[in-house]
């Protein structure tokens, strides 16, 4: 997910996005534990996406453009 796309979302959309990403991360971790996950970098990518969303939310709290 691109940072530009995330910046265009509203606060409610960002909250929903975090929820969906955390749910996806949960499922990926479960697959990894069972041994069904083929590409481990998917977990890293989802974690980075979550961090991007949190960064944008924090920037908005502080009023940073």
N, C-alpha and C. Protein backbone atom coordinates (compact mmCIF):
# COMPACT_ATOMS: atom_id res chain seq x y z
N UNK A 1 0.84 -1.17 0.00
CA UNK A 1 0.00 0.00 0.00
C UNK A 1 0.89 1.23 0.00
N UNK A 2 0.55 2.17 -0.83
CA UNK A 2 1.33 3.38 -0.98
C UNK A 2 0.91 4.40 0.08
N UNK A 3 1.86 5.19 0.54
CA UNK A 3 1.59 6.19 1.56
C UNK A 3 0.65 7.27 1.02
N UNK A 4 0.75 7.56 -0.26
CA UNK A 4 -0.11 8.57 -0.87
C UNK A 4 -1.58 8.14 -0.82
N UNK A 5 -1.82 6.87 -1.08
CA UNK A 5 -3.19 6.34 -1.02
C UNK A 5 -3.74 6.44 0.40
N UNK A 6 -2.90 6.15 1.38
CA UNK A 6 -3.35 6.19 2.77
C UNK A 6 -3.65 7.62 3.21
N UNK A 7 -2.86 8.58 2.75
CA UNK A 7 -3.07 9.98 3.14
C UNK A 7 -4.41 10.51 2.62
N UNK A 8 -4.91 9.94 1.54
CA UNK A 8 -6.18 10.39 0.96
C UNK A 8 -7.39 9.85 1.71
N UNK A 9 -7.18 8.85 2.58
CA UNK A 9 -8.28 8.24 3.32
C UNK A 9 -8.67 9.11 4.52
N UNK A 10 -9.93 8.97 4.92
CA UNK A 10 -10.41 9.67 6.11
C UNK A 10 -9.97 8.91 7.35
N UNK A 11 -10.18 9.52 8.52
CA UNK A 11 -9.79 8.88 9.77
C UNK A 11 -10.54 7.57 9.99
N UNK A 12 -11.82 7.55 9.66
CA UNK A 12 -12.62 6.33 9.83
C UNK A 12 -12.13 5.23 8.90
N UNK A 13 -11.79 5.60 7.68
CA UNK A 13 -11.27 4.61 6.73
C UNK A 13 -9.94 4.04 7.21
N UNK A 14 -9.12 4.89 7.84
CA UNK A 14 -7.84 4.42 8.36
C UNK A 14 -8.04 3.44 9.51
N UNK A 15 -9.02 3.72 10.37
CA UNK A 15 -9.31 2.80 11.47
C UNK A 15 -9.77 1.45 10.94
N UNK A 16 -10.60 1.48 9.92
CA UNK A 16 -11.07 0.25 9.30
C UNK A 16 -9.91 -0.50 8.64
N UNK A 17 -9.01 0.24 8.02
CA UNK A 17 -7.86 -0.36 7.36
C UNK A 17 -6.95 -1.07 8.37
N UNK A 18 -6.74 -0.43 9.52
CA UNK A 18 -5.92 -1.05 10.57
C UNK A 18 -6.56 -2.35 11.04
N UNK A 19 -7.87 -2.31 11.22
CA UNK A 19 -8.58 -3.51 11.67
C UNK A 19 -8.40 -4.66 10.66
N UNK A 20 -8.57 -4.35 9.40
CA UNK A 20 -8.45 -5.38 8.36
C UNK A 20 -7.01 -5.90 8.26
N UNK A 21 -6.04 -5.00 8.39
CA UNK A 21 -4.64 -5.43 8.32
C UNK A 21 -4.26 -6.31 9.50
N UNK A 22 -4.75 -5.96 10.69
CA UNK A 22 -4.46 -6.79 11.86
C UNK A 22 -5.11 -8.16 11.74
N UNK A 23 -6.29 -8.19 11.16
CA UNK A 23 -6.96 -9.47 10.93
C UNK A 23 -6.15 -10.31 9.93
N UNK A 24 -5.67 -9.67 8.89
CA UNK A 24 -4.86 -10.36 7.88
C UNK A 24 -3.57 -10.88 8.52
N UNK A 25 -2.95 -10.07 9.37
CA UNK A 25 -1.72 -10.48 10.05
C UNK A 25 -1.97 -11.70 10.94
N UNK A 26 -3.09 -11.70 11.63
CA UNK A 26 -3.44 -12.84 12.47
C UNK A 26 -3.51 -14.12 11.65
N UNK A 27 -4.19 -14.04 10.51
CA UNK A 27 -4.34 -15.23 9.66
C UNK A 27 -3.00 -15.69 9.07
N UNK A 28 -2.17 -14.73 8.72
CA UNK A 28 -0.85 -15.09 8.18
C UNK A 28 0.01 -15.76 9.25
N UNK A 29 -0.05 -15.25 10.47
CA UNK A 29 0.72 -15.87 11.56
C UNK A 29 0.23 -17.28 11.86
N UNK A 30 -1.09 -17.44 11.78
CA UNK A 30 -1.65 -18.77 12.02
C UNK A 30 -1.19 -19.74 10.93
N UNK A 31 -1.18 -19.29 9.68
CA UNK A 31 -0.70 -20.13 8.59
C UNK A 31 0.77 -20.49 8.77
N UNK A 32 1.55 -19.52 9.25
CA UNK A 32 2.97 -19.78 9.46
C UNK A 32 3.17 -20.84 10.54
N UNK A 33 2.39 -20.77 11.60
CA UNK A 33 2.50 -21.73 12.69
C UNK A 33 2.17 -23.14 12.23
N UNK A 34 1.23 -23.27 11.32
CA UNK A 34 0.82 -24.58 10.83
C UNK A 34 1.75 -25.07 9.72
N UNK A 35 2.47 -24.14 9.11
CA UNK A 35 3.39 -24.52 8.05
C UNK A 35 2.82 -24.36 6.66
N UNK A 36 1.73 -23.63 6.53
CA UNK A 36 1.09 -23.45 5.23
C UNK A 36 1.53 -22.17 4.52
N UNK A 37 2.26 -21.31 5.20
CA UNK A 37 2.67 -20.03 4.62
C UNK A 37 3.90 -20.26 3.74
N UNK A 38 3.77 -19.91 2.47
CA UNK A 38 4.87 -20.11 1.53
C UNK A 38 5.81 -18.91 1.49
N UNK A 39 5.24 -17.71 1.56
CA UNK A 39 6.06 -16.50 1.46
C UNK A 39 6.04 -15.76 2.80
N UNK A 40 7.11 -15.83 3.53
CA UNK A 40 7.20 -15.19 4.84
C UNK A 40 7.24 -13.68 4.78
N UNK A 41 7.62 -13.14 3.63
CA UNK A 41 7.69 -11.68 3.53
C UNK A 41 6.32 -11.01 3.56
N UNK A 42 5.27 -11.78 3.37
CA UNK A 42 3.92 -11.23 3.45
C UNK A 42 3.65 -10.67 4.85
N UNK A 43 4.13 -11.37 5.86
CA UNK A 43 3.94 -10.91 7.24
C UNK A 43 4.63 -9.57 7.44
N UNK A 44 5.86 -9.47 6.95
CA UNK A 44 6.62 -8.23 7.09
C UNK A 44 5.92 -7.08 6.38
N UNK A 45 5.38 -7.33 5.19
CA UNK A 45 4.71 -6.29 4.43
C UNK A 45 3.46 -5.79 5.15
N UNK A 46 2.69 -6.69 5.73
CA UNK A 46 1.47 -6.30 6.45
C UNK A 46 1.85 -5.47 7.68
N UNK A 47 2.91 -5.89 8.38
CA UNK A 47 3.34 -5.13 9.55
C UNK A 47 3.77 -3.72 9.17
N UNK A 48 4.43 -3.58 8.03
CA UNK A 48 4.85 -2.26 7.56
C UNK A 48 3.64 -1.40 7.18
N UNK A 49 2.64 -2.02 6.57
CA UNK A 49 1.42 -1.30 6.23
C UNK A 49 0.72 -0.78 7.48
N UNK A 50 0.66 -1.60 8.51
CA UNK A 50 0.06 -1.18 9.78
C UNK A 50 0.83 0.01 10.34
N UNK A 51 2.15 -0.05 10.30
CA UNK A 51 2.98 1.05 10.80
C UNK A 51 2.74 2.33 10.01
N UNK A 52 2.55 2.19 8.70
CA UNK A 52 2.28 3.38 7.88
C UNK A 52 0.97 4.04 8.29
N UNK A 53 -0.05 3.23 8.53
CA UNK A 53 -1.34 3.78 8.92
C UNK A 53 -1.23 4.48 10.28
N UNK A 54 -0.54 3.84 11.21
CA UNK A 54 -0.35 4.45 12.53
C UNK A 54 0.43 5.77 12.42
N UNK A 55 1.39 5.83 11.53
CA UNK A 55 2.17 7.04 11.33
C UNK A 55 1.29 8.18 10.84
N UNK A 56 0.43 7.89 9.90
CA UNK A 56 -0.47 8.91 9.36
C UNK A 56 -1.45 9.37 10.42
N UNK A 57 -1.98 8.44 11.21
CA UNK A 57 -2.89 8.82 12.28
C UNK A 57 -2.19 9.73 13.28
N UNK A 58 -0.96 9.42 13.62
CA UNK A 58 -0.21 10.24 14.58
C UNK A 58 0.10 11.61 14.00
N UNK A 59 0.44 11.66 12.73
CA UNK A 59 0.69 12.96 12.08
C UNK A 59 -0.54 13.84 12.13
N UNK A 60 -1.70 13.23 11.93
CA UNK A 60 -2.94 14.01 11.98
C UNK A 60 -3.24 14.50 13.39
N UNK A 61 -2.92 13.70 14.39
CA UNK A 61 -3.10 14.12 15.78
C UNK A 61 -2.23 15.34 16.09
N UNK A 62 -1.01 15.33 15.60
CA UNK A 62 -0.07 16.41 15.88
C UNK A 62 -0.23 17.59 14.95
N UNK A 63 -1.00 17.43 13.89
CA UNK A 63 -1.21 18.50 12.94
C UNK A 63 -0.06 18.67 11.96
N UNK A 64 0.67 17.62 11.72
CA UNK A 64 1.80 17.66 10.78
C UNK A 64 1.29 17.33 9.38
N UNK A 65 1.76 18.11 8.40
CA UNK A 65 1.33 17.85 7.03
C UNK A 65 2.28 17.00 6.31
